[in-house]
Amino acid sequence: MSFFIIILLLGSSSINEYNTVSELDYHKKIVLQNNILTPKLISNYIGLNNINTENNIPINPPAIAVLDSGVYPHKNLLYPQNKILAFKDMINGFIEPYDDFGHGTFISGVIAGNATKEFSGISPHAKIVAVKVIDENGESNQKVIGNAIEWVIENKTKYNIKIINMSFNFHNKEPLYNDEVSTMIRKAEKVGILVVCSSGNKSIYSEDDTAMYPSNVPGVISVGSLEYVSPSGILDRKKYIVADYSRKSYGLVNDIKPTLIVPGTNIRSLNSNTNYTPGDKLVIGNTYRIDTGTSISAAVVSGTLAKLSEAHPDKDMFYIKRLLFSYTYLVPDYNFSNVNRFIYIN
């Protein structure tokens, strides 16, 4: 099911503590006959199949901290390997994983779902550290998110956290040097954690095309979406363009957002039982669902970074970031002339 979500933040007079209105990716359902992308197909599209790590399962695999609505203990994330390395609930304080909104489970599946006959994530050996910062209504605030990033930094070594994925945005929020989220993002980068955010989707509330906060914070890897323009040749790179819903065009000359653009349209991933609470019986109707948005594109990049890290375990994440950027090429779009944004690993 596709959905449109607004994060309504708790009331406060201080803009440094809370933003008034925020937006969690606007998801626009694209109906294309039988053209459904899976993370495995996307891996082939961006060339990850050229990196062979299948026979080299890491002893201490990289972990991605997914700051989102939580994670449902989906069978794909539990078998054959338990992919949920840790769970931290910044909203309700539960110890065991759950997802009462569904977004975090979908994103976690794209990043690191187990490789099975039914489904595989971008980096199936990686682990997920799920940090719940979004409640059942899709609401959160900067303070919660800042505290969550701080928790990730404190637990970086314990869980081998290499990447933070934040597939959400605040509406009309300029990055402030000293706000909670920007401050903690800088601290995360200083300790060697890469921060990946969705650039945001244009919504019915605004035709503004600029990349949204926190993806517009300097140093963040901001990710936009591609969509295909032909009902055939789903892996033909010449048949993809920058998606019309994907925000773009923001930033300084040397830090234009989004940083990268990858497929994000009509993607299949894990569904969640949003009525589940820890202790309930694990029951789910539809095991998978299809969705669209820059949220998913950010997850693709986080999974790609994890897989590159897995292939180069002796390298730090700044090397991995430079390596990924070495595999980019020009986007055939007037908004990104002379700037490399597409990924193809060869």
Protein backbone atom coordinates (compact mmCIF):
# COMPACT_ATOMS: atom_id res chain seq x y z
CA MET A 1 0.00 0.00 0.00
CA SER A 2 1.31 3.45 -0.86
CA PHE A 3 0.67 6.28 1.49
CA PHE A 4 1.25 9.96 2.16
CA ILE A 5 2.55 10.86 5.58
CA ILE A 6 3.08 14.09 7.46
CA ILE A 7 5.12 14.13 10.65
CA LEU A 8 3.27 16.49 12.99
CA LEU A 9 5.74 17.46 15.64
CA LEU A 10 4.91 18.02 19.28
CA GLY A 11 4.21 21.64 20.09
CA SER A 12 7.05 23.91 21.15
CA SER A 13 7.94 27.54 20.68
CA SER A 14 11.60 26.80 20.09
CA ILE A 15 12.60 26.06 16.49
CA ASN A 16 15.86 24.59 17.81
CA GLU A 17 13.88 21.93 19.67
CA TYR A 18 11.01 21.24 17.33
CA ASN A 19 9.98 22.00 13.81
CA THR A 20 6.32 22.92 13.35
CA VAL A 21 5.45 20.63 10.46
CA SER A 22 7.49 17.86 8.93
CA GLU A 23 7.03 15.42 6.11
CA LEU A 24 8.00 11.76 5.94
CA ASP A 25 8.57 10.95 2.27
CA TYR A 26 5.56 11.49 0.03
CA HIS A 27 4.99 8.12 -1.60
CA LYS A 28 3.50 8.19 -5.04
CA LYS A 29 2.32 4.81 -6.35
CA ILE A 30 3.45 4.30 -9.90
CA VAL A 31 1.46 1.62 -11.68
CA LEU A 32 3.48 0.07 -14.48
CA GLN A 33 2.27 -3.22 -15.87
CA ASN A 34 4.27 -6.01 -14.26
CA ASN A 35 7.38 -3.79 -13.99
CA ILE A 36 8.28 -4.29 -10.36
CA LEU A 37 11.85 -3.82 -9.20
CA THR A 38 13.34 -5.86 -6.36
CA PRO A 39 16.53 -5.05 -4.45
CA LYS A 40 18.19 -7.94 -6.28
CA LEU A 41 17.31 -6.45 -9.67
CA ILE A 42 18.55 -3.05 -8.50
CA SER A 43 21.81 -4.69 -7.40
CA ASN A 44 22.26 -5.91 -10.98
CA TYR A 45 21.28 -2.50 -12.36
CA ILE A 46 23.99 -0.67 -10.38
CA GLY A 47 26.58 -3.39 -10.88
CA LEU A 48 26.74 -4.87 -7.38
CA ASN A 49 26.65 -8.32 -8.95
CA ASN A 50 30.23 -7.55 -10.04
CA ILE A 51 31.28 -7.67 -6.39
CA ASN A 52 31.44 -11.30 -5.30
CA THR A 53 31.09 -11.64 -1.54
CA GLU A 54 28.84 -14.69 -1.49
CA ASN A 55 31.67 -17.07 -0.55
CA ASN A 56 33.22 -14.66 1.93
CA ILE A 57 30.67 -14.24 4.72
CA PRO A 58 32.18 -11.72 7.14
CA ILE A 59 32.79 -12.73 10.76
CA ASN A 60 31.79 -9.25 11.90
CA PRO A 61 29.48 -7.91 9.17
CA PRO A 62 28.81 -4.18 8.84
CA ALA A 63 25.69 -2.87 10.54
CA ILE A 64 23.36 -0.13 9.37
CA ALA A 65 21.51 1.92 11.96
CA VAL A 66 18.04 2.39 10.47
CA LEU A 67 16.42 5.38 12.16
CA ASP A 68 12.78 4.91 11.28
CA SER A 69 9.49 3.52 12.62
CA GLY A 70 11.06 0.34 13.97
CA VAL A 71 11.26 -3.11 12.45
CA TYR A 72 8.76 -5.98 12.43
CA PRO A 73 10.28 -9.43 13.15
CA HIS A 74 9.54 -10.50 9.59
CA LYS A 75 10.46 -14.08 8.69
CA ASN A 76 12.89 -12.80 6.04
CA LEU A 77 14.79 -10.84 8.70
CA LEU A 78 14.92 -13.84 11.05
CA TYR A 79 15.73 -16.78 8.76
CA PRO A 80 18.13 -18.19 7.76
CA GLN A 81 20.07 -15.50 9.64
CA ASN A 82 18.76 -13.09 12.25
CA LYS A 83 19.41 -9.72 10.62
CA ILE A 84 18.09 -7.64 13.55
CA LEU A 85 21.29 -7.16 15.53
CA ALA A 86 19.78 -4.67 17.98
CA PHE A 87 16.63 -2.66 18.58
CA LYS A 88 16.30 0.66 20.42
CA ASP A 89 12.88 2.21 20.99
CA MET A 90 13.12 5.99 21.44
CA ILE A 91 9.30 6.34 21.35
CA ASN A 92 7.64 3.79 23.65
CA GLY A 93 10.58 2.11 25.35
CA PHE A 94 9.88 -1.48 24.24
CA ILE A 95 12.83 -3.86 24.33
CA GLU A 96 11.81 -6.25 21.54
CA PRO A 97 11.43 -5.12 17.89
CA TYR A 98 8.12 -4.03 16.36
CA ASP A 99 6.94 -1.58 13.71
CA ASP A 100 3.54 0.05 14.19
CA PHE A 101 3.88 2.23 11.11
CA GLY A 102 5.46 -0.16 8.58
CA HIS A 103 8.00 2.14 6.96
CA GLY A 104 11.09 0.94 8.83
CA THR A 105 10.46 -2.73 7.99
CA PHE A 106 10.21 -1.94 4.27
CA ILE A 107 13.47 0.05 4.39
CA SER A 108 15.30 -2.62 6.42
CA GLY A 109 14.32 -5.26 3.89
CA VAL A 110 15.70 -3.22 0.99
CA ILE A 111 19.00 -2.71 2.82
CA ALA A 112 19.72 -6.13 4.28
CA GLY A 113 16.96 -8.69 3.75
CA ASN A 114 18.15 -12.30 3.80
CA ALA A 115 18.94 -13.80 0.40
CA THR A 116 16.16 -16.37 -0.17
CA LYS A 117 14.22 -17.65 -3.17
CA GLU A 118 11.50 -15.09 -2.42
CA PHE A 119 13.55 -12.00 -1.68
CA SER A 120 17.01 -10.55 -1.11
CA GLY A 121 18.20 -7.19 0.19
CA ILE A 122 20.96 -5.12 -1.39
CA SER A 123 23.48 -6.32 1.23
CA PRO A 124 22.19 -9.68 2.51
CA HIS A 125 25.16 -10.25 4.85
CA ALA A 126 24.79 -6.89 6.62
CA LYS A 127 23.00 -6.44 9.95
CA ILE A 128 20.28 -4.00 10.99
CA VAL A 129 20.34 -1.90 14.15
CA ALA A 130 16.77 -0.62 14.20
CA VAL A 131 16.24 2.62 16.12
CA LYS A 132 12.59 3.60 16.43
CA VAL A 133 12.24 7.39 16.13
CA ILE A 134 8.84 7.55 14.39
CA ASP A 135 5.58 6.67 16.11
CA GLU A 136 2.46 4.88 14.89
CA ASN A 137 1.16 8.07 13.26
CA GLY A 138 4.37 8.87 11.39
CA GLU A 139 5.30 11.59 13.87
CA SER A 140 8.62 12.51 15.41
CA ASN A 141 10.74 15.51 16.36
CA GLN A 142 14.30 16.71 16.06
CA LYS A 143 15.12 16.06 19.70
CA VAL A 144 14.19 12.37 19.46
CA ILE A 145 16.20 11.99 16.26
CA GLY A 146 19.20 13.82 17.72
CA ASN A 147 19.11 11.55 20.79
CA ALA A 148 18.87 8.52 18.52
CA ILE A 149 21.98 9.50 16.56
CA GLU A 150 23.80 10.05 19.85
CA TRP A 151 22.82 6.51 20.95
CA VAL A 152 24.14 5.13 17.65
CA ILE A 153 27.47 6.89 18.16
CA GLU A 154 27.75 5.47 21.69
CA ASN A 155 27.10 1.95 20.35
CA LYS A 156 29.15 2.19 17.15
CA THR A 157 31.87 -0.20 18.29
CA LYS A 158 29.54 -2.62 20.09
CA TYR A 159 27.49 -3.27 16.95
CA ASN A 160 30.05 -2.39 14.24
CA ILE A 161 27.78 0.38 12.92
CA LYS A 162 29.12 1.83 9.68
CA ILE A 163 26.11 3.71 8.29
CA ILE A 164 23.08 5.63 9.53
CA ASN A 165 20.05 5.52 7.21
CA MET A 166 17.40 8.21 7.65
CA SER A 167 14.62 7.79 5.09
CA PHE A 168 12.52 10.74 6.24
CA ASN A 169 12.45 14.52 5.93
CA PHE A 170 11.32 17.63 7.74
CA HIS A 171 9.25 20.02 5.66
CA ASN A 172 10.67 23.50 4.95
CA LYS A 173 13.57 23.07 7.36
CA GLU A 174 16.86 24.73 6.59
CA PRO A 175 19.89 23.11 8.22
CA LEU A 176 21.09 25.06 11.23
CA TYR A 177 24.67 24.56 12.32
CA ASN A 178 23.72 24.10 15.99
CA ASP A 179 20.39 22.24 15.85
CA GLU A 180 20.17 18.78 17.43
CA VAL A 181 20.18 16.74 14.25
CA SER A 182 22.89 18.68 12.38
CA THR A 183 25.14 18.62 15.45
CA MET A 184 24.80 14.88 15.93
CA ILE A 185 25.29 14.20 12.20
CA ARG A 186 28.64 15.98 12.38
CA LYS A 187 29.58 13.95 15.46
CA ALA A 188 28.64 10.71 13.70
CA GLU A 189 30.83 11.61 10.73
CA LYS A 190 33.74 12.44 13.04
CA VAL A 191 33.69 8.91 14.45
CA GLY A 192 33.57 7.36 10.98
CA ILE A 193 29.85 6.74 10.44
CA LEU A 194 28.39 7.69 7.05
CA VAL A 195 24.96 9.35 7.10
CA VAL A 196 22.54 8.61 4.24
CA CYS A 197 19.23 10.47 3.85
CA SER A 198 16.43 10.57 1.30
CA SER A 199 16.30 13.85 -0.63
CA GLY A 200 12.53 13.97 -0.19
CA ASN A 201 9.58 13.80 -2.55
CA LYS A 202 7.53 16.66 -3.92
CA SER A 203 4.15 16.69 -2.22
CA ILE A 204 0.63 17.96 -2.72
CA TYR A 205 1.44 20.63 -0.13
CA SER A 206 4.31 22.19 -2.02
CA GLU A 207 5.80 22.30 -5.50
CA ASP A 208 9.15 23.22 -3.97
CA ASP A 209 11.79 21.10 -5.69
CA THR A 210 14.73 21.51 -3.31
CA ALA A 211 16.20 18.67 -1.30
CA MET A 212 14.74 18.52 2.20
CA TYR A 213 16.24 18.53 5.69
CA PRO A 214 18.17 16.61 6.95
CA SER A 215 19.39 15.50 3.51
CA ASN A 216 20.53 19.07 2.85
CA VAL A 217 22.91 19.09 5.83
CA PRO A 218 26.50 19.45 4.53
CA GLY A 219 28.30 16.12 4.33
CA VAL A 220 25.16 13.98 4.27
CA ILE A 221 24.81 11.57 1.34
CA SER A 222 21.48 12.77 -0.03
CA VAL A 223 19.73 10.32 -2.36
CA GLY A 224 17.15 10.96 -5.06
CA SER A 225 15.18 8.56 -7.25
CA LEU A 226 15.16 7.28 -10.80
CA GLU A 227 12.16 5.95 -12.67
CA TYR A 228 12.00 4.00 -15.91
CA VAL A 229 10.33 5.45 -18.97
CA SER A 230 9.69 2.25 -20.90
CA PRO A 231 7.52 -0.79 -20.04
CA SER A 232 10.34 -3.02 -21.28
CA GLY A 233 14.04 -3.24 -20.62
CA ILE A 234 13.79 -2.72 -16.89
CA LEU A 235 17.57 -3.10 -16.50
CA ASP A 236 18.45 -0.88 -19.46
CA ARG A 237 20.18 2.16 -17.93
CA LYS A 238 19.28 4.29 -20.97
CA LYS A 239 15.58 3.93 -20.11
CA TYR A 240 15.80 5.64 -16.72
CA ILE A 241 15.38 9.31 -15.89
CA VAL A 242 15.29 11.34 -12.68
CA ALA A 243 11.83 10.69 -11.22
CA ASP A 244 9.43 13.62 -11.36
CA TYR A 245 8.61 13.17 -7.65
CA SER A 246 12.28 13.28 -6.60
CA ARG A 247 13.46 16.55 -5.08
CA LYS A 248 16.67 17.98 -6.43
CA SER A 249 18.66 21.21 -6.85
CA TYR A 250 19.93 22.33 -3.49
CA GLY A 251 23.24 23.23 -1.93
CA LEU A 252 26.60 24.82 -2.46
CA VAL A 253 28.52 24.35 -5.69
CA ASN A 254 30.67 21.66 -4.06
CA ASP A 255 27.81 19.99 -2.20
CA ILE A 256 24.83 19.87 -4.58
CA LYS A 257 21.94 17.69 -3.40
CA PRO A 258 20.99 14.99 -3.97
CA THR A 259 24.43 13.45 -3.93
CA LEU A 260 23.40 10.26 -5.72
CA ILE A 261 20.39 9.05 -7.71
CA VAL A 262 19.31 5.39 -7.87
CA PRO A 263 16.06 3.51 -8.66
CA GLY A 264 13.21 4.15 -6.25
CA THR A 265 10.07 3.54 -8.29
CA ASN A 266 7.79 0.52 -7.89
CA ILE A 267 10.03 -1.41 -5.48
CA ARG A 268 9.09 -4.65 -3.70
CA SER A 269 10.10 -5.16 -0.08
CA LEU A 270 8.91 -6.44 3.29
CA ASN A 271 5.50 -5.72 4.72
CA SER A 272 4.79 -5.22 8.44
CA ASN A 273 1.98 -6.16 10.78
CA THR A 274 1.45 -2.68 12.22
CA ASN A 275 -0.92 -4.06 14.90
CA TYR A 276 1.81 -6.26 16.36
CA THR A 277 3.32 -5.43 19.73
CA PRO A 278 6.13 -7.39 21.41
CA GLY A 279 4.75 -10.60 22.91
CA ASP A 280 2.00 -11.06 20.33
CA LYS A 281 1.88 -13.99 17.93
CA LEU A 282 3.74 -13.25 14.70
CA VAL A 283 0.97 -13.10 12.10
CA ILE A 284 1.10 -11.18 8.83
CA GLY A 285 -1.23 -11.15 5.83
CA ASN A 286 0.67 -9.93 2.79
CA THR A 287 4.33 -10.76 3.31
CA TYR A 288 5.58 -8.23 0.75
CA ARG A 289 4.34 -4.96 -0.71
CA ILE A 290 5.32 -2.44 -3.41
CA ASP A 291 6.14 1.21 -2.85
CA THR A 292 7.85 4.22 -4.42
CA GLY A 293 9.94 7.10 -3.12
CA THR A 294 13.33 8.56 -2.29
CA SER A 295 13.13 6.73 1.06
CA ILE A 296 13.76 3.52 -0.86
CA SER A 297 16.57 5.05 -2.91
CA ALA A 298 18.37 6.04 0.30
CA ALA A 299 18.08 2.44 1.49
CA VAL A 300 19.61 1.23 -1.79
CA VAL A 301 22.65 3.46 -1.25
CA SER A 302 23.01 2.38 2.41
CA GLY A 303 22.96 -1.26 1.30
CA THR A 304 25.47 -0.54 -1.45
CA LEU A 305 27.87 1.12 1.00
CA ALA A 306 27.51 -1.86 3.34
CA LYS A 307 28.32 -4.31 0.55
CA LEU A 308 31.38 -2.30 -0.51
CA SER A 309 32.49 -2.22 3.13
CA GLU A 310 32.07 -5.97 3.29
CA ALA A 311 34.27 -6.35 0.19
CA HIS A 312 36.93 -4.06 1.73
CA PRO A 313 36.82 -4.87 5.47
CA ASP A 314 40.19 -3.28 6.17
CA LYS A 315 39.12 0.13 4.85
CA ASP A 316 37.35 2.92 6.76
CA MET A 317 34.02 4.30 5.59
CA PHE A 318 35.51 7.45 4.09
CA TYR A 319 37.52 5.23 1.75
CA ILE A 320 34.30 3.31 0.97
CA LYS A 321 32.50 6.59 0.24
CA ARG A 322 35.27 7.70 -2.15
CA LEU A 323 35.21 4.27 -3.78
CA LEU A 324 31.46 4.49 -4.36
CA PHE A 325 31.80 7.96 -5.86
CA SER A 326 34.47 6.65 -8.22
CA TYR A 327 31.75 4.46 -9.74
CA THR A 328 29.40 7.35 -10.59
CA TYR A 329 28.69 8.78 -14.02
CA LEU A 330 26.78 11.66 -15.57
CA VAL A 331 23.04 12.04 -15.20
CA PRO A 332 21.31 12.92 -18.50
CA ASP A 333 19.18 15.62 -16.89
CA TYR A 334 19.43 19.40 -17.19
CA ASN A 335 19.30 19.83 -13.41
CA PHE A 336 22.54 17.87 -13.00
CA SER A 337 24.61 18.84 -16.01
CA ASN A 338 28.29 17.99 -15.62
CA VAL A 339 27.72 16.32 -12.26
CA ASN A 340 28.16 12.58 -11.66
CA ARG A 341 25.16 11.10 -9.85
CA PHE A 342 24.35 7.67 -11.32
CA ILE A 343 26.05 4.56 -9.90
CA TYR A 344 27.44 1.70 -11.93
CA ILE A 345 30.09 -0.57 -10.40
CA ASN A 346 32.24 -2.22 -13.06
